[in-house]
């Protein structure tokens, strides 16, 4: 990797360290759902709201849990 020229900015690594310290998508989904269910109630929160709160794509939810039902089972098991 070439050295930065005098007066030019060096590449930023802050984005990399931020990503490393960010919880996994699985954990963000579980934490986001817990937060929303606790503050607003389980009956009024849909999966799209949880996905937005967790900043996770819908495809990731199905990749990680297989179905909404399995996601719910894991969520309730974690807080058993």
Protein backbone atom coordinates (compact mmCIF):
# COMPACT_ATOMS: atom_id res chain seq x y z
CA UNK A 1 0.00 0.00 0.00
CA UNK A 2 1.56 3.36 -0.99
CA UNK A 3 2.17 5.99 1.62
CA UNK A 4 -0.07 9.05 1.63
CA UNK A 5 1.45 12.15 0.08
CA UNK A 6 2.15 15.09 2.33
CA UNK A 7 -1.00 17.10 2.83
CA UNK A 8 -3.33 14.32 1.71
CA UNK A 9 -5.60 12.49 4.10
CA UNK A 10 -4.77 8.96 5.13
CA UNK A 11 -7.48 6.34 4.58
CA UNK A 12 -9.98 6.19 7.42
CA UNK A 13 -10.28 3.00 9.44
CA UNK A 14 -13.09 4.22 11.70
CA UNK A 15 -15.74 2.41 9.62
CA UNK A 16 -13.92 -0.89 10.03
CA UNK A 17 -13.62 -0.64 13.81
CA UNK A 18 -17.25 0.45 14.08
CA UNK A 19 -18.38 -2.65 12.18
CA UNK A 20 -16.23 -4.94 14.31
CA UNK A 21 -17.78 -3.62 17.51
CA UNK A 22 -21.35 -3.76 16.16
CA UNK A 23 -23.43 -6.72 17.35
CA UNK A 24 -24.19 -9.47 14.84
CA UNK A 25 -27.39 -9.24 12.77
CA UNK A 26 -28.82 -12.11 14.83
CA UNK A 27 -28.19 -10.26 18.07
CA UNK A 28 -29.50 -6.98 16.65
CA UNK A 29 -32.76 -8.73 15.64
CA UNK A 30 -33.22 -10.29 19.06
CA UNK A 31 -32.34 -7.04 20.87
CA UNK A 32 -34.53 -4.93 18.58
CA UNK A 33 -37.54 -7.20 19.02
CA UNK A 34 -37.07 -7.28 22.78
CA UNK A 35 -36.88 -3.50 22.95
CA UNK A 36 -39.97 -2.98 20.79
CA UNK A 37 -42.05 -5.67 22.50
CA UNK A 38 -41.12 -4.28 25.91
CA UNK A 39 -41.92 -0.67 25.08
CA UNK A 40 -44.88 -1.03 22.72
CA UNK A 41 -46.34 -4.50 23.23
CA UNK A 42 -46.10 -7.66 21.21
CA UNK A 43 -49.46 -7.30 19.45
CA UNK A 44 -48.68 -4.01 17.68
CA UNK A 45 -45.17 -4.76 16.38
CA UNK A 46 -44.71 -6.36 12.96
CA UNK A 47 -41.64 -8.00 11.50
CA UNK A 48 -40.89 -5.03 9.23
CA UNK A 49 -40.69 -2.76 12.27
CA UNK A 50 -38.26 -5.14 13.96
CA UNK A 51 -36.13 -5.28 10.81
CA UNK A 52 -35.96 -1.45 10.68
CA UNK A 53 -35.09 -1.22 14.37
CA UNK A 54 -32.34 -3.82 13.97
CA UNK A 55 -31.11 -2.43 10.64
CA UNK A 56 -31.21 -5.92 9.14
CA UNK A 57 -32.52 -7.05 5.74
CA UNK A 58 -35.52 -9.39 5.61
CA UNK A 59 -33.44 -11.97 3.71
CA UNK A 60 -31.04 -12.07 6.66
CA UNK A 61 -33.88 -12.88 9.05
CA UNK A 62 -34.84 -15.93 6.98
CA UNK A 63 -31.20 -16.91 6.48
CA UNK A 64 -30.52 -16.76 10.22
CA UNK A 65 -33.75 -18.20 11.61
CA UNK A 66 -35.52 -19.95 8.71
CA UNK A 67 -38.94 -18.44 9.45
CA UNK A 68 -40.70 -15.82 11.54
CA UNK A 69 -41.97 -18.63 13.75
CA UNK A 70 -38.41 -19.86 14.46
CA UNK A 71 -37.34 -16.27 15.12
CA UNK A 72 -40.15 -15.94 17.66
CA UNK A 73 -39.24 -19.26 19.26
CA UNK A 74 -35.58 -18.15 19.62
CA UNK A 75 -36.66 -14.80 21.02
CA UNK A 76 -38.89 -16.33 23.68
CA UNK A 77 -36.35 -19.03 24.44
CA UNK A 78 -33.68 -16.37 25.04
CA UNK A 79 -35.94 -14.64 27.56
CA UNK A 80 -37.47 -17.86 28.87
